[in-house]
């Protein structure tokens, strides 16, 4: 298969010898324009997922027999005139291509289009079912399993951030589980270049337009994994938002249930503030009633990822250097907190529901 985002090979007439050097330059430039594969080269087998930005299907490459995953961006998915937003599709594919080769990020193969339709397709490796489906079928992860999973995810996010990419929508639906247990991050529809926010002061971010590209992308994210700054100043988010989302994923691995359960932004903000209050008053002991099988070092990581203030949140590189990953850690015996911990999973009862 041709490499992703490269012009397809095709025969061209020999250049006109009588043409001017300027004309030759123009022809050479036009030859570099983007060319897509034909989606008819793939046989769609079954739908394996659906998200805000498209449907994902299992498919077979007629030319090689290889099984792949194809993200179908239907005509009308973005624009009122029935055409997919080409820039948005190429942008998502470009983020994937930038991270090509990292084992923790789903690998892009190419971009294809329908000859008779206006649909576009991102062709990727077939990595496995989502982490969400794994959590729904089996017991929560042990501490050792969680440590291994978080090491993989943090290494992948470290790579993302090193390339100047903010994922913006990390959650169990956008994490795939391979047959060997390897985890891969996918779902780059909300990804944003870190340079879009670099160098801006907090006030500048706050005063930006109320309906920016970031806001439109944020509308597509899973609310229960948004950071406080995404909930409050939703026209801006940085790489720290990805770290908060990883904290939510870590808690879910250990309990088998989402950390936050709110269905509205106001309730989500209340639950986020509840967590902030508990961590501020109790430190890592705030997790005692929720995750009693997690070691002190593990709780330090969880608290560092879930810090309310983005400037205090662990980066991926900092987290990977923490003793939870670098030292052998034995699970502790269950510890009874001296004062009550926060309500597990932040149910509606904890934010003003029936007492």
Protein backbone atom coordinates (compact mmCIF):
# COMPACT_ATOMS: atom_id res chain seq x y z
CA UNK A 1 0.00 0.00 0.00
CA UNK A 2 1.17 3.50 -0.70
CA UNK A 3 2.51 5.51 2.20
CA UNK A 4 0.01 7.77 3.91
CA UNK A 5 -0.52 11.25 2.59
CA UNK A 6 1.77 10.87 -0.40
CA UNK A 7 0.82 11.40 -4.04
CA UNK A 8 -0.24 8.25 -5.85
CA UNK A 9 2.10 7.17 -8.64
CA UNK A 10 0.74 7.95 -12.08
CA UNK A 11 2.02 8.36 -15.61
CA UNK A 12 2.51 11.91 -16.83
CA UNK A 13 3.31 13.22 -20.29
CA UNK A 14 6.86 14.32 -20.89
CA UNK A 15 7.37 18.04 -20.28
CA UNK A 16 7.06 20.31 -23.27
CA UNK A 17 10.63 21.13 -24.24
CA UNK A 18 9.43 24.43 -25.62
CA UNK A 19 7.86 25.39 -22.34
CA UNK A 20 9.37 28.09 -20.21
CA UNK A 21 11.20 27.33 -16.91
CA UNK A 22 8.33 29.02 -15.08
CA UNK A 23 5.81 26.66 -16.69
CA UNK A 24 7.93 23.66 -15.72
CA UNK A 25 7.99 24.86 -12.14
CA UNK A 26 4.21 25.15 -12.08
CA UNK A 27 3.79 21.63 -13.43
CA UNK A 28 6.17 20.27 -10.83
CA UNK A 29 4.26 21.98 -8.06
CA UNK A 30 0.91 20.63 -9.27
CA UNK A 31 2.34 17.10 -9.25
CA UNK A 32 2.77 17.31 -5.48
CA UNK A 33 -0.93 17.81 -4.81
CA UNK A 34 -2.60 15.32 -2.47
CA UNK A 35 -3.95 12.12 -4.06
CA UNK A 36 -6.18 9.64 -2.23
CA UNK A 37 -6.65 5.92 -2.60
CA UNK A 38 -9.90 4.51 -3.99
CA UNK A 39 -12.12 3.11 -1.24
CA UNK A 40 -13.28 0.42 -3.70
CA UNK A 41 -9.93 -1.24 -3.05
CA UNK A 42 -11.37 -2.23 0.33
CA UNK A 43 -14.21 -4.62 1.20
CA UNK A 44 -16.20 -3.44 4.21
CA UNK A 45 -16.79 -6.40 6.56
CA UNK A 46 -18.54 -5.08 9.66
CA UNK A 47 -19.03 -1.94 11.71
CA UNK A 48 -16.89 -2.00 14.84
CA UNK A 49 -17.45 1.47 16.30
CA UNK A 50 -19.19 4.77 15.89
CA UNK A 51 -18.29 8.19 17.21
CA UNK A 52 -19.11 11.84 16.76
CA UNK A 53 -16.68 12.21 13.88
CA UNK A 54 -17.50 9.08 11.90
CA UNK A 55 -18.11 5.34 11.77
CA UNK A 56 -15.28 2.80 12.02
CA UNK A 57 -15.51 -0.45 10.08
CA UNK A 58 -13.41 -3.57 9.76
CA UNK A 59 -12.34 -3.96 6.14
CA UNK A 60 -10.18 -6.13 3.87
CA UNK A 61 -7.68 -4.74 1.40
CA UNK A 62 -8.44 -6.48 -1.93
CA UNK A 63 -4.84 -5.95 -3.09
CA UNK A 64 -3.02 -7.51 -0.13
CA UNK A 65 -5.67 -9.42 1.80
CA UNK A 66 -4.75 -7.48 4.95
CA UNK A 67 -7.47 -6.64 7.46
CA UNK A 68 -7.62 -2.96 8.41
CA UNK A 69 -9.83 -0.45 10.21
CA UNK A 70 -11.50 2.23 8.11
CA UNK A 71 -12.90 5.43 9.61
CA UNK A 72 -15.73 6.59 7.38
CA UNK A 73 -16.31 10.35 7.29
CA UNK A 74 -19.68 10.57 5.58
CA UNK A 75 -20.71 13.38 3.26
CA UNK A 76 -22.63 15.93 5.30
CA UNK A 77 -20.86 14.93 8.50
CA UNK A 78 -19.30 18.39 8.71
CA UNK A 79 -20.72 20.69 6.04
CA UNK A 80 -24.29 21.56 5.14
CA UNK A 81 -23.66 21.06 1.43
CA UNK A 82 -23.13 17.33 1.97
CA UNK A 83 -19.33 17.31 1.64
CA UNK A 84 -16.93 16.21 4.38
CA UNK A 85 -14.54 18.89 5.54
CA UNK A 86 -11.41 17.92 3.62
CA UNK A 87 -9.18 20.09 5.81
CA UNK A 88 -10.51 18.42 8.98
CA UNK A 89 -9.97 14.92 7.59
CA UNK A 90 -6.45 15.66 6.37
CA UNK A 91 -5.71 17.38 9.69
CA UNK A 92 -6.68 14.28 11.67
CA UNK A 93 -4.71 12.05 9.31
CA UNK A 94 -1.71 14.36 9.63
CA UNK A 95 -1.71 14.09 13.42
CA UNK A 96 -1.70 10.30 13.10
CA UNK A 97 1.07 10.42 10.50
CA UNK A 98 3.18 12.63 12.79
CA UNK A 99 3.11 9.92 15.44
CA UNK A 100 3.72 7.04 13.04
CA UNK A 101 5.87 4.29 14.48
CA UNK A 102 4.95 4.65 18.15
CA UNK A 103 3.48 1.38 19.50
CA UNK A 104 1.02 3.23 21.74
CA UNK A 105 -0.71 5.15 18.93
CA UNK A 106 -2.87 3.57 16.24
CA UNK A 107 -1.00 3.52 12.92
CA UNK A 108 -2.41 5.26 9.85
CA UNK A 109 -2.03 3.55 6.48
CA UNK A 110 -3.66 5.96 4.06
CA UNK A 111 -6.58 8.24 3.23
CA UNK A 112 -9.16 7.08 0.68
CA UNK A 113 -12.21 8.51 -1.03
CA UNK A 114 -15.30 7.20 -2.75
CA UNK A 115 -15.34 7.71 -6.50
CA UNK A 116 -19.11 8.14 -6.71
CA UNK A 117 -19.75 9.64 -3.29
CA UNK A 118 -18.28 12.58 -1.46
CA UNK A 119 -17.21 10.41 1.48
CA UNK A 120 -13.67 10.26 2.84
CA UNK A 121 -11.99 7.43 4.74
CA UNK A 122 -8.97 7.17 7.04
CA UNK A 123 -7.39 3.72 6.72
CA UNK A 124 -5.65 2.47 9.89
CA UNK A 125 -4.30 -0.69 11.42
CA UNK A 126 -6.88 -2.95 13.06
CA UNK A 127 -5.76 -2.84 16.69
CA UNK A 128 -8.55 -4.51 18.67
CA UNK A 129 -11.66 -3.65 20.72
CA UNK A 130 -11.95 -0.53 22.85
CA UNK A 131 -10.86 -0.35 26.46
CA UNK A 132 -14.47 0.55 27.26
CA UNK A 133 -15.68 -2.83 26.02
CA UNK A 134 -12.91 -4.55 27.99
CA UNK A 135 -13.99 -2.82 31.21
CA UNK A 136 -17.63 -3.70 30.60
CA UNK A 137 -16.86 -7.41 30.15
CA UNK A 138 -14.30 -8.09 32.90
CA UNK A 139 -13.27 -7.23 36.42
CA UNK A 140 -11.38 -4.00 37.24
CA UNK A 141 -7.63 -4.01 36.73
CA UNK A 142 -5.29 -4.93 39.56
CA UNK A 143 -2.67 -2.39 40.59
CA UNK A 144 0.02 -4.19 38.58
CA UNK A 145 -2.23 -4.31 35.50
CA UNK A 146 -3.10 -0.65 35.96
CA UNK A 147 0.57 0.30 36.28
CA UNK A 148 1.38 -1.52 33.04
CA UNK A 149 -1.57 0.10 31.22
CA UNK A 150 -0.75 3.58 32.49
CA UNK A 151 2.91 3.21 31.55
CA UNK A 152 1.84 2.45 27.97
CA UNK A 153 -0.64 5.34 27.85
CA UNK A 154 1.77 7.84 29.39
CA UNK A 155 4.51 6.87 26.93
CA UNK A 156 2.07 7.39 24.06
CA UNK A 157 0.94 10.76 25.38
CA UNK A 158 4.54 11.79 25.99
CA UNK A 159 5.15 11.15 22.28
CA UNK A 160 2.01 13.09 21.32
CA UNK A 161 2.98 16.12 23.36
CA UNK A 162 6.58 15.97 22.12
CA UNK A 163 5.27 16.36 18.56
CA UNK A 164 3.20 19.38 19.59
CA UNK A 165 -0.12 17.51 19.50
CA UNK A 166 -2.93 17.78 22.05
CA UNK A 167 -5.33 14.82 21.76
CA UNK A 168 -8.23 16.55 23.49
CA UNK A 169 -10.51 13.51 23.88
CA UNK A 170 -8.73 10.71 25.74
CA UNK A 171 -11.24 8.25 27.17
CA UNK A 172 -11.75 4.44 27.15
CA UNK A 173 -13.59 4.61 23.81
CA UNK A 174 -10.48 6.12 22.21
CA UNK A 175 -8.09 3.51 23.61
CA UNK A 176 -7.82 0.16 21.81
CA UNK A 177 -6.72 -3.14 23.38
CA UNK A 178 -4.65 -5.50 21.23
CA UNK A 179 -4.66 -9.28 21.50
CA UNK A 180 -1.43 -9.13 23.52
CA UNK A 181 -2.83 -6.49 25.88
CA UNK A 182 -1.02 -3.62 24.18
CA UNK A 183 -2.92 -0.33 24.35
CA UNK A 184 -3.16 2.15 21.48
CA UNK A 185 -4.66 5.64 21.50
CA UNK A 186 -6.97 6.47 18.61
CA UNK A 187 -9.78 8.98 17.90
CA UNK A 188 -7.88 12.09 16.82
CA UNK A 189 -10.93 14.05 15.65
CA UNK A 190 -10.51 16.59 18.46
CA UNK A 191 -6.71 16.84 18.21
CA UNK A 192 -5.21 20.33 18.22
CA UNK A 193 -1.68 21.66 17.61
CA UNK A 194 -0.17 22.83 20.88
CA UNK A 195 1.10 25.87 18.99
CA UNK A 196 -2.48 27.14 18.73
CA UNK A 197 -2.35 28.07 22.43
CA UNK A 198 1.38 28.47 23.01
CA UNK A 199 2.56 31.89 24.04
CA UNK A 200 -0.88 33.23 24.95
CA UNK A 201 -1.54 34.67 28.39
CA UNK A 202 -4.46 33.41 30.45
CA UNK A 203 -6.31 36.68 29.83
CA UNK A 204 -5.80 36.37 26.07
CA UNK A 205 -7.22 32.87 26.16
CA UNK A 206 -10.16 34.07 28.22
CA UNK A 207 -10.96 36.95 25.87
CA UNK A 208 -10.92 34.88 22.70
CA UNK A 209 -14.13 34.43 20.73
CA UNK A 210 -16.93 32.49 22.39
CA UNK A 211 -17.20 30.05 19.50
CA UNK A 212 -13.71 29.18 18.35
CA UNK A 213 -12.48 26.05 16.63
CA UNK A 214 -11.42 24.72 20.03
CA UNK A 215 -14.95 25.17 21.36
CA UNK A 216 -16.45 23.34 18.41
CA UNK A 217 -14.03 20.46 18.94
CA UNK A 218 -14.71 20.41 22.67
CA UNK A 219 -18.41 19.93 21.99
CA UNK A 220 -17.46 16.52 20.61
CA UNK A 221 -15.47 15.31 23.61
CA UNK A 222 -16.70 12.96 26.33
CA UNK A 223 -17.69 15.29 29.15
CA UNK A 224 -16.80 12.95 32.04
CA UNK A 225 -13.12 13.13 31.04
CA UNK A 226 -12.81 16.90 30.62
CA UNK A 227 -10.40 18.83 32.79
CA UNK A 228 -11.59 21.75 34.97
CA UNK A 229 -10.12 24.28 32.54
CA UNK A 230 -12.03 22.67 29.67
CA UNK A 231 -15.25 22.93 31.66
CA UNK A 232 -14.69 26.56 32.69
CA UNK A 233 -12.66 28.16 29.89
CA UNK A 234 -13.73 25.79 27.15
CA UNK A 235 -12.37 27.95 24.33
CA UNK A 236 -8.86 26.85 25.36
CA UNK A 237 -7.19 23.68 26.50
CA UNK A 238 -3.61 22.53 26.56
CA UNK A 239 -1.70 19.26 26.98
CA UNK A 240 -2.56 19.36 30.69
CA UNK A 241 -6.14 18.44 29.72
CA UNK A 242 -4.88 15.14 28.33
CA UNK A 243 -3.18 14.41 31.66
CA UNK A 244 -6.42 15.00 33.59
CA UNK A 245 -8.22 12.65 31.23
CA UNK A 246 -5.55 10.00 31.91
CA UNK A 247 -6.24 10.41 35.63
CA UNK A 248 -9.91 9.69 34.98
CA UNK A 249 -8.94 6.63 32.93
CA UNK A 250 -6.60 5.39 35.68
CA UNK A 251 -9.36 5.61 38.30
CA UNK A 252 -11.71 3.74 35.96
CA UNK A 253 -9.19 0.97 35.40
CA UNK A 254 -8.95 0.41 39.16
CA UNK A 255 -12.68 0.53 39.91
CA UNK A 256 -14.30 -0.62 36.67
CA UNK A 257 -16.58 2.43 36.78
CA UNK A 258 -16.22 6.02 35.52
CA UNK A 259 -14.86 8.40 38.15
CA UNK A 260 -17.45 11.03 37.24
CA UNK A 261 -21.07 10.32 36.33
CA UNK A 262 -22.54 13.78 35.68
CA UNK A 263 -24.68 14.30 32.59
CA UNK A 264 -24.64 18.11 32.53
CA UNK A 265 -21.75 20.56 32.56
CA UNK A 266 -22.98 22.18 35.79
CA UNK A 267 -23.13 18.84 37.61
CA UNK A 268 -19.79 17.85 36.14
CA UNK A 269 -18.26 21.03 37.52
CA UNK A 270 -19.78 20.28 40.94
CA UNK A 271 -18.27 16.80 40.96
CA UNK A 272 -14.89 18.15 39.87
CA UNK A 273 -14.97 20.68 42.73
CA UNK A 274 -15.94 17.91 45.17
CA UNK A 275 -12.80 16.03 44.17
CA UNK A 276 -10.70 19.17 44.53
CA UNK A 277 -12.07 19.79 48.04
CA UNK A 278 -11.37 16.21 49.13
CA UNK A 279 -7.83 16.20 47.77
CA UNK A 280 -7.11 19.61 49.32
CA UNK A 281 -8.32 18.53 52.77
CA UNK A 282 -7.22 14.88 52.85
CA UNK A 283 -4.49 14.48 50.27
CA UNK A 284 -4.10 10.98 48.83
CA UNK A 285 -6.21 9.57 51.69
CA UNK A 286 -9.18 10.93 49.76
CA UNK A 287 -8.96 7.80 47.62
CA UNK A 288 -9.21 5.37 50.55
CA UNK A 289 -12.94 4.71 50.21
CA UNK A 290 -12.76 4.43 46.42
CA UNK A 291 -9.58 2.46 45.70
CA UNK A 292 -8.46 0.68 48.84
CA UNK A 293 -6.10 -1.68 46.94
CA UNK A 294 -3.91 1.08 45.51
CA UNK A 295 -0.49 1.74 47.04
CA UNK A 296 0.58 5.13 48.37
CA UNK A 297 2.79 5.66 45.32
CA UNK A 298 -0.12 4.86 43.02
CA UNK A 299 -2.33 7.34 44.85
CA UNK A 300 0.35 9.99 44.42
CA UNK A 301 0.24 9.46 40.66
CA UNK A 302 -3.56 9.58 40.61
CA UNK A 303 -3.66 12.76 42.67
CA UNK A 304 -0.97 14.33 40.47
CA UNK A 305 -2.92 13.62 37.31
CA UNK A 306 -6.21 14.85 38.79
CA UNK A 307 -4.87 18.11 40.21
CA UNK A 308 -7.49 20.85 39.78
CA UNK A 309 -4.96 23.43 38.62
CA UNK A 310 -3.34 22.58 35.29
CA UNK A 311 -0.02 24.15 36.32
CA UNK A 312 0.25 21.65 39.21
CA UNK A 313 -0.65 18.60 37.12
CA UNK A 314 1.98 15.99 36.30
CA UNK A 315 3.29 15.89 32.76
CA UNK A 316 3.66 12.51 31.07
CA UNK A 317 7.45 12.66 31.44
CA UNK A 318 7.22 13.54 35.14
CA UNK A 319 4.71 10.77 35.82
CA UNK A 320 6.91 8.13 34.17
CA UNK A 321 9.81 9.13 36.45
CA UNK A 322 7.69 8.66 39.58
CA UNK A 323 8.61 5.83 41.95
CA UNK A 324 5.34 4.02 41.13
CA UNK A 325 6.91 3.13 37.78
CA UNK A 326 10.57 2.99 38.75
CA UNK A 327 10.39 0.96 41.99
CA UNK A 328 8.81 -2.33 42.94
CA UNK A 329 5.62 -1.46 44.81
CA UNK A 330 3.61 -3.93 46.85
CA UNK A 331 -0.15 -3.35 47.21
CA UNK A 332 -0.88 -2.12 50.74
CA UNK A 333 -3.39 -3.52 53.15
CA UNK A 334 -6.69 -1.67 53.15
CA UNK A 335 -6.40 1.47 55.27
CA UNK A 336 -9.34 2.98 57.09
CA UNK A 337 -9.35 6.76 56.76
CA UNK A 338 -9.67 8.74 59.96
CA UNK A 339 -12.36 10.86 58.36
CA UNK A 340 -14.88 9.92 55.66
CA UNK A 341 -13.61 10.01 52.09
CA UNK A 342 -15.49 11.49 49.18
CA UNK A 343 -18.52 9.62 47.87
CA UNK A 344 -17.35 6.89 45.48
CA UNK A 345 -17.81 7.72 41.80
CA UNK A 346 -19.43 11.06 42.63
CA UNK A 347 -23.03 9.90 42.29
CA UNK A 348 -25.88 12.39 41.92
CA UNK A 349 -26.50 11.99 45.66
CA UNK A 350 -23.21 13.77 46.31
CA UNK A 351 -24.22 16.91 44.43
CA UNK A 352 -27.53 17.79 45.94
CA UNK A 353 -29.72 14.80 45.04
CA UNK A 354 -31.93 12.84 47.47
CA UNK A 355 -30.25 12.41 50.77
